[in-house]
PDB file of all heavy atoms in Angstrom:
ATOM      1  N   ILE A   1     -29.182  -6.398  20.978  1.00  0.00           N
ATOM      2  CA  ILE A   1     -28.868  -6.195  19.556  1.00  0.00           C
ATOM      3  C   ILE A   1     -27.451  -5.675  19.392  1.00  0.00           C
ATOM      4  O   ILE A   1     -26.755  -6.003  18.424  1.00  0.00           O
ATOM      5  CB  ILE A   1     -29.894  -5.245  18.897  1.00  0.00           C
ATOM      6  CG1 ILE A   1     -29.842  -5.369  17.369  1.00  0.00           C
ATOM      7  CG2 ILE A   1     -29.680  -3.815  19.299  1.00  0.00           C
ATOM      8  CD1 ILE A   1     -30.311  -6.683  16.835  1.00  0.00           C
ATOM      9  N   CYS A   2     -26.964  -4.870  20.363  1.00  0.00           N
ATOM     10  CA  CYS A   2     -25.600  -4.348  20.283  1.00  0.00           C
ATOM     11  C   CYS A   2     -24.571  -5.463  20.496  1.00  0.00           C
ATOM     12  O   CYS A   2     -23.493  -5.434  19.902  1.00  0.00           O
ATOM     13  CB  CYS A   2     -25.389  -3.236  21.294  1.00  0.00           C
ATOM     14  SG  CYS A   2     -26.275  -1.710  20.882  1.00  0.00           S
ATOM     15  N   GLU A   3     -24.910  -6.424  21.352  1.00  0.00           N
ATOM     16  CA  GLU A   3     -24.010  -7.561  21.556  1.00  0.00           C
ATOM     17  C   GLU A   3     -23.843  -8.372  20.278  1.00  0.00           C
ATOM     18  O   GLU A   3     -22.801  -8.969  20.031  1.00  0.00           O
ATOM     19  CB  GLU A   3     -24.552  -8.460  22.672  1.00  0.00           C
ATOM     20  CG  GLU A   3     -24.343  -7.906  24.072  1.00  0.00           C
ATOM     21  CD  GLU A   3     -24.846  -8.861  25.133  1.00  0.00           C
ATOM     22  OE1 GLU A   3     -25.086 -10.039  24.806  1.00  0.00           O
ATOM     23  OE2 GLU A   3     -25.005  -8.425  26.292  1.00  0.00           O
ATOM     24  N   VAL A   4     -24.882  -8.382  19.463  1.00  0.00           N
ATOM     25  CA  VAL A   4     -24.851  -9.160  18.227  1.00  0.00           C
ATOM     26  C   VAL A   4     -24.266  -8.349  17.077  1.00  0.00           C
ATOM     27  O   VAL A   4     -23.434  -8.836  16.309  1.00  0.00           O
ATOM     28  CB  VAL A   4     -26.273  -9.647  17.865  1.00  0.00           C
ATOM     29  CG1 VAL A   4     -26.269 -10.358  16.512  1.00  0.00           C
ATOM     30  CG2 VAL A   4     -26.816 -10.556  18.954  1.00  0.00           C
ATOM     31  N   LYS A   5     -24.703  -7.084  16.959  1.00  0.00           N
ATOM     32  CA  LYS A   5     -24.385  -6.280  15.780  1.00  0.00           C
ATOM     33  C   LYS A   5     -23.230  -5.299  15.971  1.00  0.00           C
ATOM     34  O   LYS A   5     -22.686  -4.793  14.989  1.00  0.00           O
ATOM     35  CB  LYS A   5     -25.630  -5.491  15.359  1.00  0.00           C
ATOM     36  CG  LYS A   5     -26.750  -6.333  14.768  1.00  0.00           C
ATOM     37  CD  LYS A   5     -26.393  -6.818  13.381  1.00  0.00           C
ATOM     38  CE  LYS A   5     -27.574  -7.458  12.693  1.00  0.00           C
ATOM     39  NZ  LYS A   5     -27.216  -7.912  11.318  1.00  0.00           N
ATOM     40  N   PHE A   6     -22.866  -4.995  17.218  1.00  0.00           N
ATOM     41  CA  PHE A   6     -21.853  -3.950  17.447  1.00  0.00           C
ATOM     42  C   PHE A   6     -20.964  -4.367  18.605  1.00  0.00           C
ATOM     43  O   PHE A   6     -20.971  -3.772  19.670  1.00  0.00           O
ATOM     44  CB  PHE A   6     -22.548  -2.611  17.731  1.00  0.00           C
ATOM     45  CG  PHE A   6     -21.657  -1.415  17.541  1.00  0.00           C
ATOM     46  CD1 PHE A   6     -20.960  -1.212  16.357  1.00  0.00           C
ATOM     47  CD2 PHE A   6     -21.521  -0.470  18.551  1.00  0.00           C
ATOM     48  CE1 PHE A   6     -20.156  -0.096  16.185  1.00  0.00           C
ATOM     49  CE2 PHE A   6     -20.715   0.643  18.391  1.00  0.00           C
ATOM     50  CZ  PHE A   6     -20.026   0.825  17.195  1.00  0.00           C
ATOM     51  N   ARG A   7     -20.218  -5.406  18.366  1.00  0.00           N
ATOM     52  CA  ARG A   7     -19.348  -5.962  19.407  1.00  0.00           C
ATOM     53  C   ARG A   7     -18.120  -5.076  19.611  1.00  0.00           C
ATOM     54  O   ARG A   7     -17.919  -4.089  18.891  1.00  0.00           O
ATOM     55  CB  ARG A   7     -18.945  -7.380  19.030  1.00  0.00           C
ATOM     56  CG  ARG A   7     -20.140  -8.316  18.925  1.00  0.00           C
ATOM     57  CD  ARG A   7     -19.750  -9.708  18.470  1.00  0.00           C
ATOM     58  NE  ARG A   7     -20.919 -10.581  18.405  1.00  0.00           N
ATOM     59  CZ  ARG A   7     -20.904 -11.821  17.958  1.00  0.00           C
ATOM     60  NH1 ARG A   7     -19.765 -12.365  17.546  1.00  0.00           N
ATOM     61  NH2 ARG A   7     -22.013 -12.540  17.934  1.00  0.00           N
ATOM     62  N   ALA A   8     -17.297  -5.450  20.609  1.00  0.00           N
ATOM     63  CA  ALA A   8     -16.139  -4.623  20.973  1.00  0.00           C
ATOM     64  C   ALA A   8     -15.223  -4.367  19.776  1.00  0.00           C
ATOM     65  O   ALA A   8     -14.739  -3.251  19.578  1.00  0.00           O
ATOM     66  CB  ALA A   8     -15.369  -5.298  22.102  1.00  0.00           C
ATOM     67  N   ALA A   9     -14.993  -5.410  18.965  1.00  0.00           N
ATOM     68  CA  ALA A   9     -14.122  -5.244  17.792  1.00  0.00           C
ATOM     69  C   ALA A   9     -14.705  -4.229  16.810  1.00  0.00           C
ATOM     70  O   ALA A   9     -13.969  -3.421  16.213  1.00  0.00           O
ATOM     71  CB  ALA A   9     -13.919  -6.592  17.109  1.00  0.00           C
ATOM     72  N   ASP A  10     -16.029  -4.248  16.646  1.00  0.00           N
ATOM     73  CA  ASP A  10     -16.685  -3.287  15.748  1.00  0.00           C
ATOM     74  C   ASP A  10     -16.596  -1.868  16.317  1.00  0.00           C
ATOM     75  O   ASP A  10     -16.425  -0.906  15.569  1.00  0.00           O
ATOM     76  CB  ASP A  10     -18.154  -3.670  15.554  1.00  0.00           C
ATOM     77  CG  ASP A  10     -18.312  -5.048  14.936  1.00  0.00           C
ATOM     78  OD1 ASP A  10     -17.617  -5.327  13.947  1.00  0.00           O
ATOM     79  OD2 ASP A  10     -19.123  -5.847  15.451  1.00  0.00           O
ATOM     80  N   GLN A  11     -16.723  -1.754  17.636  1.00  0.00           N
ATOM     81  CA  GLN A  11     -16.625  -0.445  18.267  1.00  0.00           C
ATOM     82  C   GLN A  11     -15.219   0.142  18.093  1.00  0.00           C
ATOM     83  O   GLN A  11     -15.059   1.325  17.782  1.00  0.00           O
ATOM     84  CB  GLN A  11     -16.960  -0.552  19.753  1.00  0.00           C
ATOM     85  CG  GLN A  11     -18.404  -0.962  20.026  1.00  0.00           C
ATOM     86  CD  GLN A  11     -18.664  -1.194  21.495  1.00  0.00           C
ATOM     87  OE1 GLN A  11     -18.269  -0.396  22.331  1.00  0.00           O
ATOM     88  NE2 GLN A  11     -19.334  -2.293  21.822  1.00  0.00           N
ATOM     89  N   ILE A  12     -14.209  -0.689  18.287  1.00  0.00           N
ATOM     90  CA  ILE A  12     -12.828  -0.227  18.131  1.00  0.00           C
ATOM     91  C   ILE A  12     -12.567   0.178  16.692  1.00  0.00           C
ATOM     92  O   ILE A  12     -11.901   1.187  16.411  1.00  0.00           O
ATOM     93  CB  ILE A  12     -11.847  -1.325  18.592  1.00  0.00           C
ATOM     94  CG1 ILE A  12     -11.935  -1.474  20.128  1.00  0.00           C
ATOM     95  CG2 ILE A  12     -10.417  -0.996  18.176  1.00  0.00           C
ATOM     96  CD1 ILE A  12     -11.156  -2.639  20.676  1.00  0.00           C
ATOM     97  N   SER A  13     -13.118  -0.601  15.762  1.00  0.00           N
ATOM     98  CA  SER A  13     -12.972  -0.248  14.345  1.00  0.00           C
ATOM     99  C   SER A  13     -13.605   1.107  14.053  1.00  0.00           C
ATOM    100  O   SER A  13     -13.041   1.928  13.313  1.00  0.00           O
ATOM    101  CB  SER A  13     -13.619  -1.335  13.485  1.00  0.00           C
ATOM    102  OG  SER A  13     -13.575  -0.984  12.123  1.00  0.00           O
ATOM    103  N   ALA A  14     -14.773   1.365  14.659  1.00  0.00           N
ATOM    104  CA  ALA A  14     -15.442   2.659  14.473  1.00  0.00           C
ATOM    105  C   ALA A  14     -14.627   3.798  15.084  1.00  0.00           C
ATOM    106  O   ALA A  14     -14.560   4.897  14.524  1.00  0.00           O
ATOM    107  CB  ALA A  14     -16.831   2.609  15.113  1.00  0.00           C
ATOM    108  N   MET A  15     -13.973   3.534  16.221  1.00  0.00           N
ATOM    109  CA  MET A  15     -13.128   4.562  16.858  1.00  0.00           C
ATOM    110  C   MET A  15     -11.988   4.973  15.929  1.00  0.00           C
ATOM    111  O   MET A  15     -11.705   6.165  15.768  1.00  0.00           O
ATOM    112  CB  MET A  15     -12.540   4.025  18.167  1.00  0.00           C
ATOM    113  CG  MET A  15     -13.539   3.782  19.265  1.00  0.00           C
ATOM    114  SD  MET A  15     -12.699   3.003  20.673  1.00  0.00           S
ATOM    115  CE  MET A  15     -14.106   2.379  21.586  1.00  0.00           C
ATOM    116  N   HIS A  16     -11.363   3.975  15.329  1.00  0.00           N
ATOM    117  CA  HIS A  16     -10.234   4.274  14.438  1.00  0.00           C
ATOM    118  C   HIS A  16     -10.706   5.006  13.177  1.00  0.00           C
ATOM    119  O   HIS A  16      -9.916   5.696  12.535  1.00  0.00           O
ATOM    120  CB  HIS A  16      -9.508   2.979  14.062  1.00  0.00           C
ATOM    121  CG  HIS A  16      -8.645   2.434  15.169  1.00  0.00           C
ATOM    122  ND1 HIS A  16      -7.283   2.596  15.204  1.00  0.00           N
ATOM    123  CD2 HIS A  16      -8.969   1.755  16.303  1.00  0.00           C
ATOM    124  CE1 HIS A  16      -6.786   2.021  16.294  1.00  0.00           C
ATOM    125  NE2 HIS A  16      -7.794   1.501  16.977  1.00  0.00           N
ATOM    126  N   ARG A  17     -11.965   4.872  12.865  1.00  0.00           N
ATOM    127  CA  ARG A  17     -12.516   5.548  11.689  1.00  0.00           C
ATOM    128  C   ARG A  17     -12.988   6.967  12.002  1.00  0.00           C
ATOM    129  O   ARG A  17     -12.977   7.838  11.132  1.00  0.00           O
ATOM    130  CB  ARG A  17     -13.678   4.718  11.141  1.00  0.00           C
ATOM    131  CG  ARG A  17     -14.204   5.187   9.783  1.00  0.00           C
ATOM    132  CD  ARG A  17     -15.293   4.289   9.255  1.00  0.00           C
ATOM    133  NE  ARG A  17     -16.543   4.407  10.002  1.00  0.00           N
ATOM    134  CZ  ARG A  17     -17.020   3.488  10.803  1.00  0.00           C
ATOM    135  NH1 ARG A  17     -16.357   2.347  10.993  1.00  0.00           N
ATOM    136  NH2 ARG A  17     -18.170   3.674  11.449  1.00  0.00           N
ATOM    137  N   LEU A  18     -13.379   7.204  13.286  1.00  0.00           N
ATOM    138  CA  LEU A  18     -14.057   8.455  13.618  1.00  0.00           C
ATOM    139  C   LEU A  18     -13.301   9.363  14.576  1.00  0.00           C
ATOM    140  O   LEU A  18     -13.430  10.591  14.496  1.00  0.00           O
ATOM    141  CB  LEU A  18     -15.444   8.141  14.234  1.00  0.00           C
ATOM    142  CG  LEU A  18     -16.406   7.330  13.365  1.00  0.00           C
ATOM    143  CD1 LEU A  18     -17.638   6.936  14.184  1.00  0.00           C
ATOM    144  CD2 LEU A  18     -16.829   8.116  12.142  1.00  0.00           C
ATOM    145  N   ASP A  19     -12.559   8.794  15.509  1.00  0.00           N
ATOM    146  CA  ASP A  19     -11.950   9.605  16.565  1.00  0.00           C
ATOM    147  C   ASP A  19     -10.650  10.254  16.086  1.00  0.00           C
ATOM    148  O   ASP A  19      -9.701   9.558  15.694  1.00  0.00           O
ATOM    149  CB  ASP A  19     -11.665   8.734  17.789  1.00  0.00           C
ATOM    150  CG  ASP A  19     -11.130   9.558  18.949  1.00  0.00           C
ATOM    151  OD1 ASP A  19     -11.861  10.448  19.415  1.00  0.00           O
ATOM    152  OD2 ASP A  19      -9.986   9.308  19.372  1.00  0.00           O
ATOM    153  N   PRO A  20     -10.542  11.594  16.118  1.00  0.00           N
ATOM    154  CA  PRO A  20      -9.339  12.272  15.620  1.00  0.00           C
ATOM    155  C   PRO A  20      -8.089  11.959  16.449  1.00  0.00           C
ATOM    156  O   PRO A  20      -6.976  11.918  15.909  1.00  0.00           O
ATOM    157  CB  PRO A  20      -9.704  13.759  15.688  1.00  0.00           C
ATOM    158  CG  PRO A  20     -10.838  13.837  16.652  1.00  0.00           C
ATOM    159  CD  PRO A  20     -11.578  12.556  16.529  1.00  0.00           C
ATOM    160  N   VAL A  21      -8.255  11.752  17.759  1.00  0.00           N
ATOM    161  CA  VAL A  21      -7.094  11.438  18.613  1.00  0.00           C
ATOM    162  C   VAL A  21      -6.508  10.088  18.209  1.00  0.00           C
ATOM    163  O   VAL A  21      -5.281   9.933  18.057  1.00  0.00           O
ATOM    164  CB  VAL A  21      -7.494  11.434  20.105  1.00  0.00           C
ATOM    165  CG1 VAL A  21      -6.327  10.971  20.967  1.00  0.00           C
ATOM    166  CG2 VAL A  21      -7.985  12.817  20.530  1.00  0.00           C
ATOM    167  N   ILE A  22      -7.353   9.097  18.039  1.00  0.00           N
ATOM    168  CA  ILE A  22      -6.882   7.766  17.634  1.00  0.00           C
ATOM    169  C   ILE A  22      -6.294   7.812  16.230  1.00  0.00           C
ATOM    170  O   ILE A  22      -5.287   7.153  15.950  1.00  0.00           O
ATOM    171  CB  ILE A  22      -8.035   6.748  17.724  1.00  0.00           C
ATOM    172  CG1 ILE A  22      -8.364   6.457  19.188  1.00  0.00           C
ATOM    173  CG2 ILE A  22      -7.685   5.455  16.995  1.00  0.00           C
ATOM    174  CD1 ILE A  22      -9.454   5.424  19.411  1.00  0.00           C
ATOM    175  N   GLN A  23      -6.903   8.588  15.353  1.00  0.00           N
ATOM    176  CA  GLN A  23      -6.365   8.708  13.990  1.00  0.00           C
ATOM    177  C   GLN A  23      -4.956   9.306  14.009  1.00  0.00           C
ATOM    178  O   GLN A  23      -4.072   8.865  13.267  1.00  0.00           O
ATOM    179  CB  GLN A  23      -7.304   9.566  13.136  1.00  0.00           C
ATOM    180  CG  GLN A  23      -8.619   8.881  12.802  1.00  0.00           C
ATOM    181  CD  GLN A  23      -9.578   9.789  12.057  1.00  0.00           C
ATOM    182  OE1 GLN A  23      -9.398  11.011  12.025  1.00  0.00           O
ATOM    183  NE2 GLN A  23     -10.613   9.201  11.468  1.00  0.00           N
ATOM    184  N   ALA A  24      -4.773  10.296  14.881  1.00  0.00           N
ATOM    185  CA  ALA A  24      -3.435  10.910  14.997  1.00  0.00           C
ATOM    186  C   ALA A  24      -2.428   9.909  15.549  1.00  0.00           C
ATOM    187  O   ALA A  24      -1.283   9.815  15.051  1.00  0.00           O
ATOM    188  CB  ALA A  24      -3.517  12.144  15.903  1.00  0.00           C
ATOM    189  N   LEU A  25      -2.815   9.131  16.554  1.00  0.00           N
ATOM    190  CA  LEU A  25      -1.929   8.113  17.124  1.00  0.00           C
ATOM    191  C   LEU A  25      -1.612   7.024  16.104  1.00  0.00           C
ATOM    192  O   LEU A  25      -0.483   6.516  16.050  1.00  0.00           O
ATOM    193  CB  LEU A  25      -2.570   7.496  18.376  1.00  0.00           C
ATOM    194  CG  LEU A  25      -2.668   8.409  19.607  1.00  0.00           C
ATOM    195  CD1 LEU A  25      -3.506   7.746  20.702  1.00  0.00           C
ATOM    196  CD2 LEU A  25      -1.274   8.742  20.140  1.00  0.00           C
ATOM    197  N   ASP A  26      -2.604   6.663  15.276  1.00  0.00           N
ATOM    198  CA  ASP A  26      -2.368   5.667  14.224  1.00  0.00           C
ATOM    199  C   ASP A  26      -1.313   6.179  13.239  1.00  0.00           C
ATOM    200  O   ASP A  26      -0.437   5.427  12.788  1.00  0.00           O
ATOM    201  CB  ASP A  26      -3.677   5.364  13.471  1.00  0.00           C
ATOM    202  CG  ASP A  26      -4.591   4.427  14.246  1.00  0.00           C
ATOM    203  OD1 ASP A  26      -4.081   3.680  15.099  1.00  0.00           O
ATOM    204  OD2 ASP A  26      -5.814   4.426  13.974  1.00  0.00           O
ATOM    205  N   GLY A  27      -1.425   7.479  12.904  1.00  0.00           N
ATOM    206  CA  GLY A  27      -0.455   8.059  11.980  1.00  0.00           C
ATOM    207  C   GLY A  27       0.943   8.064  12.579  1.00  0.00           C
ATOM    208  O   GLY A  27       1.931   7.757  11.884  1.00  0.00           O
ATOM    209  N   GLU A  28       1.046   8.392  13.866  1.00  0.00           N
ATOM    210  CA  GLU A  28       2.350   8.398  14.531  1.00  0.00           C
ATOM    211  C   GLU A  28       2.914   6.992  14.631  1.00  0.00           C
ATOM    212  O   GLU A  28       4.130   6.789  14.497  1.00  0.00           O
ATOM    213  CB  GLU A  28       2.210   9.005  15.936  1.00  0.00           C
ATOM    214  CG  GLU A  28       1.891  10.502  15.948  1.00  0.00           C
ATOM    215  CD  GLU A  28       1.759  11.042  17.357  1.00  0.00           C
ATOM    216  OE1 GLU A  28       2.366  10.434  18.276  1.00  0.00           O
ATOM    217  OE2 GLU A  28       1.042  12.047  17.558  1.00  0.00           O
ATOM    218  N   LEU A  29       2.028   6.006  14.861  1.00  0.00           N
ATOM    219  CA  LEU A  29       2.480   4.623  14.990  1.00  0.00           C
ATOM    220  C   LEU A  29       3.068   4.112  13.671  1.00  0.00           C
ATOM    221  O   LEU A  29       4.072   3.388  13.664  1.00  0.00           O
ATOM    222  CB  LEU A  29       1.315   3.734  15.431  1.00  0.00           C
ATOM    223  CG  LEU A  29       1.626   2.245  15.644  1.00  0.00           C
ATOM    224  CD1 LEU A  29       2.698   2.065  16.728  1.00  0.00           C
ATOM    225  CD2 LEU A  29       0.359   1.481  16.017  1.00  0.00           C
ATOM    226  N   GLN A  30       2.464   4.509  12.570  1.00  0.00           N
ATOM    227  CA  GLN A  30       2.976   4.083  11.261  1.00  0.00           C
ATOM    228  C   GLN A  30       4.358   4.662  10.987  1.00  0.00           C
ATOM    229  O   GLN A  30       5.170   4.055  10.277  1.00  0.00           O
ATOM    230  CB  GLN A  30       1.995   4.510  10.157  1.00  0.00           C
ATOM    231  CG  GLN A  30       0.684   3.718  10.155  1.00  0.00           C
ATOM    232  CD  GLN A  30      -0.252   4.178   9.040  1.00  0.00           C
ATOM    233  OE1 GLN A  30       0.043   5.142   8.324  1.00  0.00           O
ATOM    234  NE2 GLN A  30      -1.386   3.506   8.912  1.00  0.00           N
ATOM    235  N   ASN A  31       4.613   5.837  11.552  1.00  0.00           N
ATOM    236  CA  ASN A  31       5.893   6.496  11.303  1.00  0.00           C
ATOM    237  C   ASN A  31       6.874   6.351  12.472  1.00  0.00           C
ATOM    238  O   ASN A  31       7.892   7.055  12.521  1.00  0.00           O
ATOM    239  CB  ASN A  31       5.655   7.992  11.022  1.00  0.00           C
ATOM    240  CG  ASN A  31       4.796   8.209   9.789  1.00  0.00           C
ATOM    241  OD1 ASN A  31       4.949   7.502   8.792  1.00  0.00           O
ATOM    242  ND2 ASN A  31       3.902   9.184   9.860  1.00  0.00           N
ATOM    243  N   ALA A  32       6.556   5.476  13.411  1.00  0.00           N
ATOM    244  CA  ALA A  32       7.430   5.283  14.582  1.00  0.00           C
ATOM    245  C   ALA A  32       8.811   4.790  14.132  1.00  0.00           C
ATOM    246  O   ALA A  32       8.921   3.872  13.312  1.00  0.00           O
ATOM    247  CB  ALA A  32       6.791   4.295  15.550  1.00  0.00           C
ATOM    248  N   LYS A  33       9.860   5.385  14.699  1.00  0.00           N
ATOM    249  CA  LYS A  33      11.226   5.064  14.271  1.00  0.00           C
ATOM    250  C   LYS A  33      11.881   4.000  15.148  1.00  0.00           C
ATOM    251  O   LYS A  33      12.810   3.325  14.715  1.00  0.00           O
ATOM    252  CB  LYS A  33      12.083   6.338  14.263  1.00  0.00           C
ATOM    253  CG  LYS A  33      11.567   7.381  13.254  1.00  0.00           C
ATOM    254  CD  LYS A  33      12.426   8.642  13.279  1.00  0.00           C
ATOM    255  CE  LYS A  33      11.918   9.656  12.260  1.00  0.00           C
ATOM    256  NZ  LYS A  33      12.726  10.906  12.284  1.00  0.00           N
ATOM    257  N   THR A  34      11.412   3.880  16.368  1.00  0.00           N
ATOM    258  CA  THR A  34      12.010   2.882  17.260  1.00  0.00           C
ATOM    259  C   THR A  34      10.920   1.987  17.853  1.00  0.00           C
ATOM    260  O   THR A  34       9.742   2.350  17.889  1.00  0.00           O
ATOM    261  CB  THR A  34      12.767   3.563  18.421  1.00  0.00           C
ATOM    262  OG1 THR A  34      11.827   4.259  19.245  1.00  0.00           O
ATOM    263  CG2 THR A  34      13.811   4.545  17.894  1.00  0.00           C
ATOM    264  N   GLU A  35      11.341   0.822  18.349  1.00  0.00           N
ATOM    265  CA  GLU A  35      10.415  -0.125  18.970  1.00  0.00           C
ATOM    266  C   GLU A  35       9.809   0.470  20.235  1.00  0.00           C
ATOM    267  O   GLU A  35       8.626   0.247  20.541  1.00  0.00           O
ATOM    268  CB  GLU A  35      11.149  -1.429  19.296  1.00  0.00           C
ATOM    269  CG  GLU A  35      10.253  -2.529  19.836  1.00  0.00           C
ATOM    270  CD  GLU A  35       9.236  -3.007  18.822  1.00  0.00           C
ATOM    271  OE1 GLU A  35       9.467  -2.855  17.612  1.00  0.00           O
ATOM    272  OE2 GLU A  35       8.187  -3.525  19.266  1.00  0.00           O
ATOM    273  N   ALA A  36      10.609   1.231  20.970  1.00  0.00           N
ATOM    274  CA  ALA A  36      10.124   1.851  22.205  1.00  0.00           C
ATOM    275  C   ALA A  36       9.004   2.846  21.923  1.00  0.00           C
ATOM    276  O   ALA A  36       7.992   2.901  22.639  1.00  0.00           O
ATOM    277  CB  ALA A  36      11.270   2.542  22.926  1.00  0.00           C
ATOM    278  N   ASP A  37       9.187   3.633  20.845  1.00  0.00           N
ATOM    279  CA  ASP A  37       8.149   4.585  20.459  1.00  0.00           C
ATOM    280  C   ASP A  37       6.856   3.853  20.077  1.00  0.00           C
ATOM    281  O   ASP A  37       5.742   4.280  20.419  1.00  0.00           O
ATOM    282  CB  ASP A  37       8.609   5.447  19.286  1.00  0.00           C
ATOM    283  CG  ASP A  37       9.701   6.436  19.697  1.00  0.00           C
ATOM    284  OD1 ASP A  37       9.813   6.687  20.916  1.00  0.00           O
ATOM    285  OD2 ASP A  37      10.416   6.937  18.814  1.00  0.00           O
ATOM    286  N   ALA A  38       6.989   2.747  19.342  1.00  0.00           N
ATOM    287  CA  ALA A  38       5.827   1.972  18.910  1.00  0.00           C
ATOM    288  C   ALA A  38       5.066   1.405  20.110  1.00  0.00           C
ATOM    289  O   ALA A  38       3.831   1.454  20.162  1.00  0.00           O
ATOM    290  CB  ALA A  38       6.258   0.846  17.979  1.00  0.00           C
ATOM    291  N   ILE A  39       5.802   0.882  21.082  1.00  0.00           N
ATOM    292  CA  ILE A  39       5.168   0.322  22.285  1.00  0.00           C
ATOM    293  C   ILE A  39       4.409   1.406  23.053  1.00  0.00           C
ATOM    294  O   ILE A  39       3.289   1.194  23.535  1.00  0.00           O
ATOM    295  CB  ILE A  39       6.231  -0.348  23.179  1.00  0.00           C
ATOM    296  CG1 ILE A  39       6.789  -1.595  22.473  1.00  0.00           C
ATOM    297  CG2 ILE A  39       5.638  -0.709  24.530  1.00  0.00           C
ATOM    298  CD1 ILE A  39       7.959  -2.232  23.200  1.00  0.00           C
ATOM    299  N   LYS A  40       5.024   2.577  23.139  1.00  0.00           N
ATOM    300  CA  LYS A  40       4.399   3.689  23.854  1.00  0.00           C
ATOM    301  C   LYS A  40       3.113   4.140  23.166  1.00  0.00           C
ATOM    302  O   LYS A  40       2.084   4.385  23.811  1.00  0.00           O
ATOM    303  CB  LYS A  40       5.387   4.854  23.943  1.00  0.00           C
ATOM    304  CG  LYS A  40       4.862   6.047  24.742  1.00  0.00           C
ATOM    305  CD  LYS A  40       5.906   7.149  24.804  1.00  0.00           C
ATOM    306  CE  LYS A  40       5.367   8.351  25.576  1.00  0.00           C
ATOM    307  NZ  LYS A  40       6.358   9.450  25.645  1.00  0.00           N
ATOM    308  N   LEU A  41       3.170   4.211  21.824  1.00  0.00           N
ATOM    309  CA  LEU A  41       1.995   4.635  21.059  1.00  0.00           C
ATOM    310  C   LEU A  41       0.875   3.601  21.151  1.00  0.00           C
ATOM    311  O   LEU A  41      -0.308   3.949  21.258  1.00  0.00           O
ATOM    312  CB  LEU A  41       2.379   4.881  19.596  1.00  0.00           C
ATOM    313  CG  LEU A  41       3.234   6.132  19.346  1.00  0.00           C
ATOM    314  CD1 LEU A  41       3.798   6.117  17.935  1.00  0.00           C
ATOM    315  CD2 LEU A  41       2.379   7.392  19.557  1.00  0.00           C
ATOM    316  N   LYS A  42       1.230   2.318  21.122  1.00  0.00           N
ATOM    317  CA  LYS A  42       0.225   1.251  21.250  1.00  0.00           C
ATOM    318  C   LYS A  42      -0.463   1.322  22.612  1.00  0.00           C
ATOM    319  O   LYS A  42      -1.668   1.104  22.717  1.00  0.00           O
ATOM    320  CB  LYS A  42       0.871  -0.106  21.051  1.00  0.00           C
ATOM    321  CG  LYS A  42       1.253  -0.402  19.609  1.00  0.00           C
ATOM    322  CD  LYS A  42       1.915  -1.769  19.482  1.00  0.00           C
ATOM    323  CE  LYS A  42       2.323  -2.051  18.040  1.00  0.00           C
ATOM    324  NZ  LYS A  42       3.001  -3.368  17.910  1.00  0.00           N
TER     325      LYS A  42
END
């Protein structure tokens, strides 16, 4: 049922919604000033 209803893409989406570390990295990525910083954050 997880393979059907909760695939890897859904899990990653849930991480970005729930995990504070990922949320902080997402915020830093949006404000990245250089391409090198963006690559590192990704």
